[in-house]
Amino acid sequence: MVEHYMDEWDLPEGKKQVEVKERRYLPFELKQMFAQAGLKVENIWGGTLGKWEKRQSINLDEIEIMVVATKE
């Protein structure tokens, strides 16, 4: 999933229009990337604004993901 939009940032030198491109990953994509790096994913947890919950699935509205992995 890719999100692409213009945003306005308040910077010390004033307001500035900034182009934002964000790539979002699904859990299975993260597992594949970690495996390619030689890591085994033990757990993937989701959270929003630092509120973490250890459960089996990640809600679509969660913007933070924590991956716990070990070196194979």
PDB file of N, CA and C in Angstrom:
ATOM      1  N   MET A   1       0.838  -1.165   0.000  1.00  0.00           N
ATOM      2  CA  MET A   1       0.000   0.000   0.000  1.00  0.00           C
ATOM      3  C   MET A   1       0.892   1.239   0.000  1.00  0.00           C
ATOM      4  N   VAL A   2       0.579   2.178  -0.838  1.00  0.00           N
ATOM      5  CA  VAL A   2       1.341   3.418  -0.930  1.00  0.00           C
ATOM      6  C   VAL A   2       0.382   4.589  -0.757  1.00  0.00           C
ATOM      7  N   GLU A   3       0.772   5.514   0.090  1.00  0.00           N
ATOM      8  CA  GLU A   3      -0.016   6.726   0.285  1.00  0.00           C
ATOM      9  C   GLU A   3       0.818   7.894  -0.220  1.00  0.00           C
ATOM     10  N   HIS A   4       0.207   8.744  -1.024  1.00  0.00           N
ATOM     11  CA  HIS A   4       0.918   9.856  -1.647  1.00  0.00           C
ATOM     12  C   HIS A   4       0.030  11.091  -1.541  1.00  0.00           C
ATOM     13  N   TYR A   5       0.535  12.147  -0.872  1.00  0.00           N
ATOM     14  CA  TYR A   5      -0.267  13.353  -0.691  1.00  0.00           C
ATOM     15  C   TYR A   5       0.622  14.555  -0.396  1.00  0.00           C
ATOM     16  N   MET A   6       0.032  15.729  -0.484  1.00  0.00           N
ATOM     17  CA  MET A   6       0.720  16.972  -0.123  1.00  0.00           C
ATOM     18  C   MET A   6       0.277  17.353   1.285  1.00  0.00           C
ATOM     19  N   ASP A   7       1.229  17.840   2.093  1.00  0.00           N
ATOM     20  CA  ASP A   7       0.936  18.236   3.462  1.00  0.00           C
ATOM     21  C   ASP A   7       1.589  19.580   3.728  1.00  0.00           C
ATOM     22  N   GLU A   8       1.054  20.320   4.679  1.00  0.00           N
ATOM     23  CA  GLU A   8       1.640  21.602   5.046  1.00  0.00           C
ATOM     24  C   GLU A   8       2.293  21.465   6.419  1.00  0.00           C
ATOM     25  N   TRP A   9       3.573  21.779   6.486  1.00  0.00           N
ATOM     26  CA  TRP A   9       4.325  21.678   7.737  1.00  0.00           C
ATOM     27  C   TRP A   9       4.638  23.066   8.255  1.00  0.00           C
ATOM     28  N   ASP A  10       4.535  23.229   9.566  1.00  0.00           N
ATOM     29  CA  ASP A  10       4.945  24.472  10.224  1.00  0.00           C
ATOM     30  C   ASP A  10       6.409  24.322  10.632  1.00  0.00           C
ATOM     31  N   LEU A  11       7.286  24.984   9.924  1.00  0.00           N
ATOM     32  CA  LEU A  11       8.725  24.927  10.189  1.00  0.00           C
ATOM     33  C   LEU A  11       9.183  26.248  10.798  1.00  0.00           C
ATOM     34  N   PRO A  12      10.357  26.268  11.442  1.00  0.00           N
ATOM     35  CA  PRO A  12      10.852  27.516  12.036  1.00  0.00           C
ATOM     36  C   PRO A  12      10.907  28.668  11.028  1.00  0.00           C
ATOM     37  N   GLU A  13      11.166  28.364   9.761  1.00  0.00           N
ATOM     38  CA  GLU A  13      11.248  29.404   8.730  1.00  0.00           C
ATOM     39  C   GLU A  13       9.897  29.717   8.089  1.00  0.00           C
ATOM     40  N   GLY A  14       8.831  29.075   8.594  1.00  0.00           N
ATOM     41  CA  GLY A  14       7.491  29.333   8.074  1.00  0.00           C
ATOM     42  C   GLY A  14       6.823  28.067   7.566  1.00  0.00           C
ATOM     43  N   LYS A  15       5.636  28.217   7.022  1.00  0.00           N
ATOM     44  CA  LYS A  15       4.890  27.077   6.491  1.00  0.00           C
ATOM     45  C   LYS A  15       5.469  26.636   5.155  1.00  0.00           C
ATOM     46  N   LYS A  16       5.470  25.330   4.935  1.00  0.00           N
ATOM     47  CA  LYS A  16       6.020  24.795   3.695  1.00  0.00           C
ATOM     48  C   LYS A  16       5.165  23.623   3.234  1.00  0.00           C
ATOM     49  N   GLN A  17       4.858  23.583   1.932  1.00  0.00           N
ATOM     50  CA  GLN A  17       4.160  22.456   1.330  1.00  0.00           C
ATOM     51  C   GLN A  17       5.170  21.329   1.094  1.00  0.00           C
ATOM     52  N   VAL A  18       4.837  20.133   1.563  1.00  0.00           N
ATOM     53  CA  VAL A  18       5.750  18.998   1.471  1.00  0.00           C
ATOM     54  C   VAL A  18       5.025  17.827   0.814  1.00  0.00           C
ATOM     55  N   GLU A  19       5.694  17.198  -0.138  1.00  0.00           N
ATOM     56  CA  GLU A  19       5.154  15.988  -0.765  1.00  0.00           C
ATOM     57  C   GLU A  19       5.502  14.800   0.123  1.00  0.00           C
ATOM     58  N   VAL A  20       4.504  14.020   0.505  1.00  0.00           N
ATOM     59  CA  VAL A  20       4.700  12.873   1.387  1.00  0.00           C
ATOM     60  C   VAL A  20       4.370  11.596   0.626  1.00  0.00           C
ATOM     61  N   LYS A  21       5.305  10.644   0.672  1.00  0.00           N
ATOM     62  CA  LYS A  21       5.083   9.320   0.096  1.00  0.00           C
ATOM     63  C   LYS A  21       5.384   8.308   1.196  1.00  0.00           C
ATOM     64  N   GLU A  22       4.398   7.506   1.548  1.00  0.00           N
ATOM     65  CA  GLU A  22       4.584   6.503   2.587  1.00  0.00           C
ATOM     66  C   GLU A  22       4.269   5.122   2.028  1.00  0.00           C
ATOM     67  N   ARG A  23       5.132   4.180   2.320  1.00  0.00           N
ATOM     68  CA  ARG A  23       4.916   2.791   1.920  1.00  0.00           C
ATOM     69  C   ARG A  23       4.524   2.032   3.167  1.00  0.00           C
ATOM     70  N   ARG A  24       3.407   1.382   3.126  1.00  0.00           N
ATOM     71  CA  ARG A  24       2.931   0.616   4.278  1.00  0.00           C
ATOM     72  C   ARG A  24       3.050  -0.866   3.961  1.00  0.00           C
ATOM     73  N   TYR A  25       3.415  -1.637   4.971  1.00  0.00           N
ATOM     74  CA  TYR A  25       3.651  -3.062   4.789  1.00  0.00           C
ATOM     75  C   TYR A  25       2.644  -3.898   5.563  1.00  0.00           C
ATOM     76  N   LEU A  26       2.266  -5.008   4.975  1.00  0.00           N
ATOM     77  CA  LEU A  26       1.415  -5.990   5.636  1.00  0.00           C
ATOM     78  C   LEU A  26       2.309  -6.960   6.406  1.00  0.00           C
ATOM     79  N   PRO A  27       1.778  -7.604   7.450  1.00  0.00           N
ATOM     80  CA  PRO A  27       2.610  -8.514   8.240  1.00  0.00           C
ATOM     81  C   PRO A  27       3.341  -9.577   7.418  1.00  0.00           C
ATOM     82  N   PHE A  28       2.678 -10.167   6.419  1.00  0.00           N
ATOM     83  CA  PHE A  28       3.363 -11.201   5.639  1.00  0.00           C
ATOM     84  C   PHE A  28       4.535 -10.615   4.835  1.00  0.00           C
ATOM     85  N   GLU A  29       4.419  -9.347   4.408  1.00  0.00           N
ATOM     86  CA  GLU A  29       5.524  -8.702   3.700  1.00  0.00           C
ATOM     87  C   GLU A  29       6.699  -8.466   4.644  1.00  0.00           C
ATOM     88  N   LEU A  30       6.402  -8.050   5.863  1.00  0.00           N
ATOM     89  CA  LEU A  30       7.457  -7.843   6.851  1.00  0.00           C
ATOM     90  C   LEU A  30       8.177  -9.157   7.154  1.00  0.00           C
ATOM     91  N   LYS A  31       7.418 -10.242   7.305  1.00  0.00           N
ATOM     92  CA  LYS A  31       8.029 -11.550   7.568  1.00  0.00           C
ATOM     93  C   LYS A  31       8.964 -11.951   6.431  1.00  0.00           C
ATOM     94  N   GLN A  32       8.548 -11.702   5.188  1.00  0.00           N
ATOM     95  CA  GLN A  32       9.396 -12.030   4.034  1.00  0.00           C
ATOM     96  C   GLN A  32      10.692 -11.212   4.050  1.00  0.00           C
ATOM     97  N   MET A  33      10.578  -9.917   4.326  1.00  0.00           N
ATOM     98  CA  MET A  33      11.765  -9.062   4.342  1.00  0.00           C
ATOM     99  C   MET A  33      12.718  -9.452   5.468  1.00  0.00           C
ATOM    100  N   PHE A  34      12.172  -9.764   6.633  1.00  0.00           N
ATOM    101  CA  PHE A  34      13.013 -10.182   7.750  1.00  0.00           C
ATOM    102  C   PHE A  34      13.714 -11.501   7.419  1.00  0.00           C
ATOM    103  N   ALA A  35      12.989 -12.441   6.792  1.00  0.00           N
ATOM    104  CA  ALA A  35      13.580 -13.725   6.403  1.00  0.00           C
ATOM    105  C   ALA A  35      14.719 -13.518   5.409  1.00  0.00           C
ATOM    106  N   GLN A  36      14.544 -12.612   4.463  1.00  0.00           N
ATOM    107  CA  GLN A  36      15.604 -12.315   3.490  1.00  0.00           C
ATOM    108  C   GLN A  36      16.837 -11.732   4.172  1.00  0.00           C
ATOM    109  N   ALA A  37      16.632 -11.081   5.315  1.00  0.00           N
ATOM    110  CA  ALA A  37      17.753 -10.504   6.068  1.00  0.00           C
ATOM    111  C   ALA A  37      18.339 -11.509   7.062  1.00  0.00           C
ATOM    112  N   GLY A  38      17.830 -12.746   7.059  1.00  0.00           N
ATOM    113  CA  GLY A  38      18.351 -13.774   7.943  1.00  0.00           C
ATOM    114  C   GLY A  38      17.763 -13.746   9.344  1.00  0.00           C
ATOM    115  N   LEU A  39      16.565 -13.185   9.483  1.00  0.00           N
ATOM    116  CA  LEU A  39      15.916 -13.093  10.778  1.00  0.00           C
ATOM    117  C   LEU A  39      14.609 -13.873  10.780  1.00  0.00           C
ATOM    118  N   LYS A  40      14.303 -14.509  11.910  1.00  0.00           N
ATOM    119  CA  LYS A  40      13.044 -15.237  12.064  1.00  0.00           C
ATOM    120  C   LYS A  40      12.115 -14.406  12.935  1.00  0.00           C
ATOM    121  N   VAL A  41      10.954 -14.080  12.411  1.00  0.00           N
ATOM    122  CA  VAL A  41       9.987 -13.268  13.148  1.00  0.00           C
ATOM    123  C   VAL A  41       9.313 -14.133  14.205  1.00  0.00           C
ATOM    124  N   GLU A  42       9.425 -13.710  15.452  1.00  0.00           N
ATOM    125  CA  GLU A  42       8.790 -14.409  16.567  1.00  0.00           C
ATOM    126  C   GLU A  42       7.382 -13.862  16.822  1.00  0.00           C
ATOM    127  N   ASN A  43       7.234 -12.528  16.764  1.00  0.00           N
ATOM    128  CA  ASN A  43       5.942 -11.888  17.006  1.00  0.00           C
ATOM    129  C   ASN A  43       5.847 -10.589  16.227  1.00  0.00           C
ATOM    130  N   ILE A  44       4.622 -10.247  15.853  1.00  0.00           N
ATOM    131  CA  ILE A  44       4.325  -8.936  15.273  1.00  0.00           C
ATOM    132  C   ILE A  44       3.124  -8.391  16.036  1.00  0.00           C
ATOM    133  N   TRP A  45       3.288  -7.194  16.611  1.00  0.00           N
ATOM    134  CA  TRP A  45       2.207  -6.563  17.367  1.00  0.00           C
ATOM    135  C   TRP A  45       1.911  -5.204  16.778  1.00  0.00           C
ATOM    136  N   GLY A  46       0.669  -4.783  16.902  1.00  0.00           N
ATOM    137  CA  GLY A  46       0.263  -3.477  16.413  1.00  0.00           C
ATOM    138  C   GLY A  46      -0.098  -2.555  17.553  1.00  0.00           C
ATOM    139  N   GLY A  47      -0.037  -1.255  17.274  1.00  0.00           N
ATOM    140  CA  GLY A  47      -0.395  -0.275  18.285  1.00  0.00           C
ATOM    141  C   GLY A  47      -0.666   1.073  17.646  1.00  0.00           C
ATOM    142  N   THR A  48      -1.223   1.936  18.432  1.00  0.00           N
ATOM    143  CA  THR A  48      -1.479   3.299  17.995  1.00  0.00           C
ATOM    144  C   THR A  48      -1.055   4.234  19.111  1.00  0.00           C
ATOM    145  N   LEU A  49      -0.204   5.200  18.792  1.00  0.00           N
ATOM    146  CA  LEU A  49       0.280   6.181  19.762  1.00  0.00           C
ATOM    147  C   LEU A  49       0.886   5.522  20.987  1.00  0.00           C
ATOM    148  N   GLY A  50       1.681   4.460  20.768  1.00  0.00           N
ATOM    149  CA  GLY A  50       2.385   3.802  21.857  1.00  0.00           C
ATOM    150  C   GLY A  50       1.555   2.844  22.680  1.00  0.00           C
ATOM    151  N   LYS A  51       0.306   2.609  22.322  1.00  0.00           N
ATOM    152  CA  LYS A  51      -0.547   1.665  23.050  1.00  0.00           C
ATOM    153  C   LYS A  51      -0.430   0.298  22.376  1.00  0.00           C
ATOM    154  N   TRP A  52       0.376  -0.587  22.971  1.00  0.00           N
ATOM    155  CA  TRP A  52       0.652  -1.887  22.376  1.00  0.00           C
ATOM    156  C   TRP A  52      -0.212  -2.961  23.002  1.00  0.00           C
ATOM    157  N   GLU A  53      -0.620  -3.914  22.192  1.00  0.00           N
ATOM    158  CA  GLU A  53      -1.371  -5.060  22.673  1.00  0.00           C
ATOM    159  C   GLU A  53      -0.797  -6.324  22.034  1.00  0.00           C
ATOM    160  N   LYS A  54      -0.544  -7.323  22.853  1.00  0.00           N
ATOM    161  CA  LYS A  54      -0.038  -8.594  22.349  1.00  0.00           C
ATOM    162  C   LYS A  54      -1.223  -9.467  21.948  1.00  0.00           C
ATOM    163  N   ARG A  55      -1.526  -9.479  20.670  1.00  0.00           N
ATOM    164  CA  ARG A  55      -2.599 -10.310  20.159  1.00  0.00           C
ATOM    165  C   ARG A  55      -2.219 -10.825  18.771  1.00  0.00           C
ATOM    166  N   GLN A  56      -2.989 -11.721  18.252  1.00  0.00           N
ATOM    167  CA  GLN A  56      -2.634 -12.415  17.011  1.00  0.00           C
ATOM    168  C   GLN A  56      -2.784 -11.568  15.751  1.00  0.00           C
ATOM    169  N   SER A  57      -3.690 -10.583  15.745  1.00  0.00           N
ATOM    170  CA  SER A  57      -3.916  -9.820  14.522  1.00  0.00           C
ATOM    171  C   SER A  57      -3.623  -8.340  14.740  1.00  0.00           C
ATOM    172  N   ILE A  58      -3.427  -7.637  13.643  1.00  0.00           N
ATOM    173  CA  ILE A  58      -3.184  -6.200  13.666  1.00  0.00           C
ATOM    174  C   ILE A  58      -4.393  -5.525  13.031  1.00  0.00           C
ATOM    175  N   ASN A  59      -4.934  -4.528  13.709  1.00  0.00           N
ATOM    176  CA  ASN A  59      -6.063  -3.782  13.158  1.00  0.00           C
ATOM    177  C   ASN A  59      -5.599  -2.860  12.041  1.00  0.00           C
ATOM    178  N   LEU A  60      -6.442  -2.632  11.054  1.00  0.00           N
ATOM    179  CA  LEU A  60      -6.067  -1.808   9.904  1.00  0.00           C
ATOM    180  C   LEU A  60      -5.808  -0.350  10.267  1.00  0.00           C
ATOM    181  N   ASP A  61      -6.377   0.132  11.378  1.00  0.00           N
ATOM    182  CA  ASP A  61      -6.175   1.532  11.750  1.00  0.00           C
ATOM    183  C   ASP A  61      -4.944   1.751  12.616  1.00  0.00           C
ATOM    184  N   GLU A  62      -4.205   0.699  12.926  1.00  0.00           N
ATOM    185  CA  GLU A  62      -2.988   0.845  13.737  1.00  0.00           C
ATOM    186  C   GLU A  62      -1.849   1.322  12.846  1.00  0.00           C
ATOM    187  N   ILE A  63      -1.140   2.324  13.328  1.00  0.00           N
ATOM    188  CA  ILE A  63      -0.103   2.926  12.496  1.00  0.00           C
ATOM    189  C   ILE A  63       1.311   2.547  12.924  1.00  0.00           C
ATOM    190  N   GLU A  64       1.427   1.838  14.025  1.00  0.00           N
ATOM    191  CA  GLU A  64       2.740   1.404  14.490  1.00  0.00           C
ATOM    192  C   GLU A  64       2.750  -0.116  14.561  1.00  0.00           C
ATOM    193  N   ILE A  65       3.867  -0.694  14.161  1.00  0.00           N
ATOM    194  CA  ILE A  65       4.027  -2.146  14.228  1.00  0.00           C
ATOM    195  C   ILE A  65       5.352  -2.449  14.907  1.00  0.00           C
ATOM    196  N   MET A  66       5.327  -3.389  15.860  1.00  0.00           N
ATOM    197  CA  MET A  66       6.551  -3.831  16.499  1.00  0.00           C
ATOM    198  C   MET A  66       6.827  -5.275  16.060  1.00  0.00           C
ATOM    199  N   VAL A  67       8.017  -5.498  15.552  1.00  0.00           N
ATOM    200  CA  VAL A  67       8.412  -6.819  15.118  1.00  0.00           C
ATOM    201  C   VAL A  67       9.505  -7.318  16.049  1.00  0.00           C
ATOM    202  N   VAL A  68       9.309  -8.510  16.628  1.00  0.00           N
ATOM    203  CA  VAL A  68      10.321  -9.140  17.465  1.00  0.00           C
ATOM    204  C   VAL A  68      10.873 -10.306  16.659  1.00  0.00           C
ATOM    205  N   ALA A  69      12.182 -10.287  16.406  1.00  0.00           N
ATOM    206  CA  ALA A  69      12.791 -11.320  15.565  1.00  0.00           C
ATOM    207  C   ALA A  69      14.122 -11.767  16.157  1.00  0.00           C
ATOM    208  N   THR A  70      14.530 -12.977  15.777  1.00  0.00           N
ATOM    209  CA  THR A  70      15.816 -13.522  16.199  1.00  0.00           C
ATOM    210  C   THR A  70      16.644 -13.857  14.968  1.00  0.00           C
ATOM    211  N   LYS A  71      17.951 -13.833  15.149  1.00  0.00           N
ATOM    212  CA  LYS A  71      18.848 -14.176  14.051  1.00  0.00           C
ATOM    213  C   LYS A  71      18.875 -15.677  13.888  1.00  0.00           C
ATOM    214  N   GLU A  72      18.690 -16.141  12.649  1.00  0.00           N
ATOM    215  CA  GLU A  72      18.676 -17.578  12.373  1.00  0.00           C
ATOM    216  C   GLU A  72      20.090 -18.107  12.238  1.00  0.00           C
TER     217      GLU A  72
END
